[in-house]
Amino acid sequence: MSNIIILTGSMRKNGNTALLAQRFADGAAVNNNVDIVSVADYKVNPRFALYLHFKRIYDILYLIFYRMP
């Protein structure tokens, strides 16, 4: 059993990317722990691009090491 994090980068929360990610998660969840993380759930401001870049890396590492069982 593996831990899988699916990162979606679309700002459209219910768009095609989210649908595709959900279908993949449904199939992968049979034998794995699956979590979907969407950029649409976070406030992204291009004026702070460098700060957000490092914050996203921190958030991803946090999800990998602390959120997944």
N, C-alpha and C. Protein backbone atom coordinates (compact mmCIF):
# COMPACT_ATOMS: atom_id res chain seq x y z
N MET A 1 0.85 -1.17 0.00
CA MET A 1 0.00 0.00 0.00
C MET A 1 0.89 1.24 0.00
N SER A 2 0.59 2.18 -0.88
CA SER A 2 1.38 3.40 -1.03
C SER A 2 0.54 4.61 -0.68
N ASN A 3 1.23 5.70 -0.37
CA ASN A 3 0.58 6.99 -0.17
C ASN A 3 0.76 7.79 -1.44
N ILE A 4 -0.35 8.28 -2.00
CA ILE A 4 -0.32 9.04 -3.25
C ILE A 4 -0.95 10.40 -3.03
N ILE A 5 -0.25 11.45 -3.45
CA ILE A 5 -0.81 12.80 -3.44
C ILE A 5 -0.94 13.25 -4.89
N ILE A 6 -2.13 13.64 -5.27
CA ILE A 6 -2.39 14.14 -6.62
C ILE A 6 -2.48 15.66 -6.52
N LEU A 7 -1.60 16.36 -7.24
CA LEU A 7 -1.59 17.81 -7.25
C LEU A 7 -2.26 18.29 -8.53
N THR A 8 -3.31 19.11 -8.40
CA THR A 8 -3.96 19.69 -9.57
C THR A 8 -3.67 21.18 -9.59
N GLY A 9 -3.33 21.69 -10.77
CA GLY A 9 -2.91 23.08 -10.88
C GLY A 9 -3.95 24.00 -11.49
N SER A 10 -5.14 23.52 -11.77
CA SER A 10 -6.16 24.34 -12.39
C SER A 10 -6.90 25.17 -11.35
N MET A 11 -7.23 26.40 -11.71
CA MET A 11 -8.00 27.26 -10.81
C MET A 11 -9.50 26.93 -10.86
N ARG A 12 -9.92 26.15 -11.85
CA ARG A 12 -11.32 25.74 -11.96
C ARG A 12 -11.52 24.49 -11.10
N LYS A 13 -12.15 24.68 -9.97
CA LYS A 13 -12.26 23.62 -8.98
C LYS A 13 -13.04 22.40 -9.47
N ASN A 14 -14.00 22.59 -10.36
CA ASN A 14 -14.80 21.47 -10.87
C ASN A 14 -14.59 21.26 -12.36
N GLY A 15 -13.41 21.60 -12.86
CA GLY A 15 -13.12 21.49 -14.29
C GLY A 15 -12.66 20.10 -14.69
N ASN A 16 -12.17 20.01 -15.92
CA ASN A 16 -11.73 18.73 -16.47
C ASN A 16 -10.55 18.15 -15.70
N THR A 17 -9.63 19.00 -15.26
CA THR A 17 -8.48 18.51 -14.51
C THR A 17 -8.91 17.86 -13.21
N ALA A 18 -9.84 18.50 -12.51
CA ALA A 18 -10.34 17.94 -11.25
C ALA A 18 -11.07 16.62 -11.50
N LEU A 19 -11.83 16.55 -12.57
CA LEU A 19 -12.55 15.32 -12.91
C LEU A 19 -11.57 14.19 -13.20
N LEU A 20 -10.55 14.48 -14.00
CA LEU A 20 -9.54 13.47 -14.33
C LEU A 20 -8.79 13.01 -13.07
N ALA A 21 -8.43 13.97 -12.22
CA ALA A 21 -7.73 13.62 -10.97
C ALA A 21 -8.62 12.76 -10.07
N GLN A 22 -9.91 13.08 -10.00
CA GLN A 22 -10.83 12.30 -9.17
C GLN A 22 -10.98 10.88 -9.69
N ARG A 23 -11.08 10.73 -11.00
CA ARG A 23 -11.19 9.38 -11.60
C ARG A 23 -9.93 8.57 -11.31
N PHE A 24 -8.77 9.21 -11.43
CA PHE A 24 -7.53 8.51 -11.13
C PHE A 24 -7.50 8.11 -9.66
N ALA A 25 -7.91 9.03 -8.79
CA ALA A 25 -7.91 8.76 -7.35
C ALA A 25 -8.86 7.61 -7.01
N ASP A 26 -10.01 7.57 -7.67
CA ASP A 26 -10.95 6.48 -7.42
C ASP A 26 -10.32 5.13 -7.75
N GLY A 27 -9.62 5.05 -8.86
CA GLY A 27 -8.99 3.80 -9.25
C GLY A 27 -7.80 3.45 -8.35
N ALA A 28 -7.02 4.46 -7.99
CA ALA A 28 -5.83 4.21 -7.19
C ALA A 28 -6.17 3.94 -5.73
N ALA A 29 -7.33 4.37 -5.27
CA ALA A 29 -7.70 4.22 -3.86
C ALA A 29 -8.02 2.78 -3.48
N VAL A 30 -8.13 1.90 -4.47
CA VAL A 30 -8.44 0.51 -4.17
C VAL A 30 -7.35 -0.12 -3.30
N ASN A 31 -6.10 0.17 -3.60
CA ASN A 31 -4.99 -0.43 -2.86
C ASN A 31 -4.05 0.60 -2.24
N ASN A 32 -4.42 1.87 -2.24
CA ASN A 32 -3.52 2.93 -1.79
C ASN A 32 -4.26 4.00 -1.00
N ASN A 33 -3.51 4.80 -0.26
CA ASN A 33 -4.04 6.00 0.38
C ASN A 33 -3.85 7.15 -0.58
N VAL A 34 -4.94 7.80 -0.97
CA VAL A 34 -4.89 8.85 -2.00
C VAL A 34 -5.45 10.15 -1.44
N ASP A 35 -4.75 11.25 -1.72
CA ASP A 35 -5.22 12.58 -1.33
C ASP A 35 -5.05 13.50 -2.53
N ILE A 36 -6.06 14.34 -2.80
CA ILE A 36 -6.00 15.30 -3.90
C ILE A 36 -5.80 16.69 -3.30
N VAL A 37 -4.80 17.41 -3.80
CA VAL A 37 -4.52 18.77 -3.37
C VAL A 37 -4.68 19.67 -4.58
N SER A 38 -5.56 20.67 -4.47
CA SER A 38 -5.85 21.57 -5.58
C SER A 38 -5.34 22.97 -5.29
N VAL A 39 -4.73 23.60 -6.29
CA VAL A 39 -4.25 24.97 -6.13
C VAL A 39 -5.44 25.93 -5.96
N ALA A 40 -6.62 25.51 -6.39
CA ALA A 40 -7.81 26.35 -6.25
C ALA A 40 -8.19 26.55 -4.78
N ASP A 41 -7.67 25.70 -3.90
CA ASP A 41 -7.95 25.83 -2.47
C ASP A 41 -7.06 26.85 -1.78
N TYR A 42 -6.09 27.38 -2.51
CA TYR A 42 -5.12 28.31 -1.93
C TYR A 42 -5.18 29.65 -2.65
N LYS A 43 -4.89 30.71 -1.94
CA LYS A 43 -4.84 32.03 -2.54
C LYS A 43 -3.47 32.19 -3.19
N VAL A 44 -3.47 32.44 -4.49
CA VAL A 44 -2.23 32.61 -5.22
C VAL A 44 -2.18 34.04 -5.73
N ASN A 45 -1.13 34.77 -5.35
CA ASN A 45 -0.98 36.17 -5.73
C ASN A 45 0.35 36.31 -6.46
N PRO A 46 0.33 36.66 -7.75
CA PRO A 46 1.58 36.70 -8.51
C PRO A 46 2.59 37.73 -8.01
N ARG A 47 2.16 38.72 -7.23
CA ARG A 47 3.11 39.71 -6.71
C ARG A 47 4.07 39.08 -5.71
N PHE A 48 3.67 37.98 -5.12
CA PHE A 48 4.52 37.29 -4.14
C PHE A 48 4.97 35.94 -4.69
N ALA A 49 5.31 35.91 -5.98
CA ALA A 49 5.61 34.64 -6.65
C ALA A 49 6.76 33.89 -5.98
N LEU A 50 7.82 34.58 -5.65
CA LEU A 50 8.95 33.88 -5.05
C LEU A 50 8.59 33.33 -3.67
N TYR A 51 7.91 34.15 -2.87
CA TYR A 51 7.47 33.69 -1.55
C TYR A 51 6.54 32.49 -1.68
N LEU A 52 5.58 32.58 -2.62
CA LEU A 52 4.64 31.49 -2.79
C LEU A 52 5.31 30.23 -3.29
N HIS A 53 6.33 30.41 -4.13
CA HIS A 53 7.06 29.24 -4.63
C HIS A 53 7.63 28.44 -3.46
N PHE A 54 8.31 29.12 -2.55
CA PHE A 54 8.89 28.42 -1.41
C PHE A 54 7.82 27.94 -0.44
N LYS A 55 6.73 28.71 -0.30
CA LYS A 55 5.65 28.28 0.58
C LYS A 55 4.99 27.02 0.03
N ARG A 56 4.80 26.95 -1.28
CA ARG A 56 4.20 25.75 -1.88
C ARG A 56 5.09 24.54 -1.67
N ILE A 57 6.40 24.72 -1.82
CA ILE A 57 7.31 23.61 -1.57
C ILE A 57 7.17 23.15 -0.12
N TYR A 58 7.12 24.11 0.80
CA TYR A 58 6.94 23.76 2.21
C TYR A 58 5.61 23.04 2.42
N ASP A 59 4.54 23.55 1.80
CA ASP A 59 3.21 22.92 1.94
C ASP A 59 3.21 21.50 1.40
N ILE A 60 3.85 21.29 0.26
CA ILE A 60 3.90 19.95 -0.32
C ILE A 60 4.68 19.01 0.59
N LEU A 61 5.81 19.48 1.10
CA LEU A 61 6.58 18.64 2.02
C LEU A 61 5.79 18.35 3.29
N TYR A 62 5.05 19.35 3.77
CA TYR A 62 4.21 19.15 4.95
C TYR A 62 3.17 18.06 4.68
N LEU A 63 2.53 18.13 3.50
CA LEU A 63 1.53 17.12 3.16
C LEU A 63 2.14 15.73 3.09
N ILE A 64 3.31 15.65 2.50
CA ILE A 64 3.95 14.33 2.33
C ILE A 64 4.31 13.74 3.69
N PHE A 65 4.88 14.54 4.57
CA PHE A 65 5.41 13.98 5.80
C PHE A 65 4.44 13.97 6.98
N TYR A 66 3.43 14.85 6.98
CA TYR A 66 2.57 14.94 8.15
C TYR A 66 1.10 14.64 7.90
N ARG A 67 0.59 14.92 6.70
CA ARG A 67 -0.84 14.75 6.47
C ARG A 67 -1.20 13.32 6.06
N MET A 68 -0.35 12.72 5.23
CA MET A 68 -0.64 11.35 4.79
C MET A 68 -0.36 10.39 5.93
N PRO A 69 -1.24 9.39 6.12
CA PRO A 69 -1.03 8.42 7.21
C PRO A 69 0.16 7.52 6.95
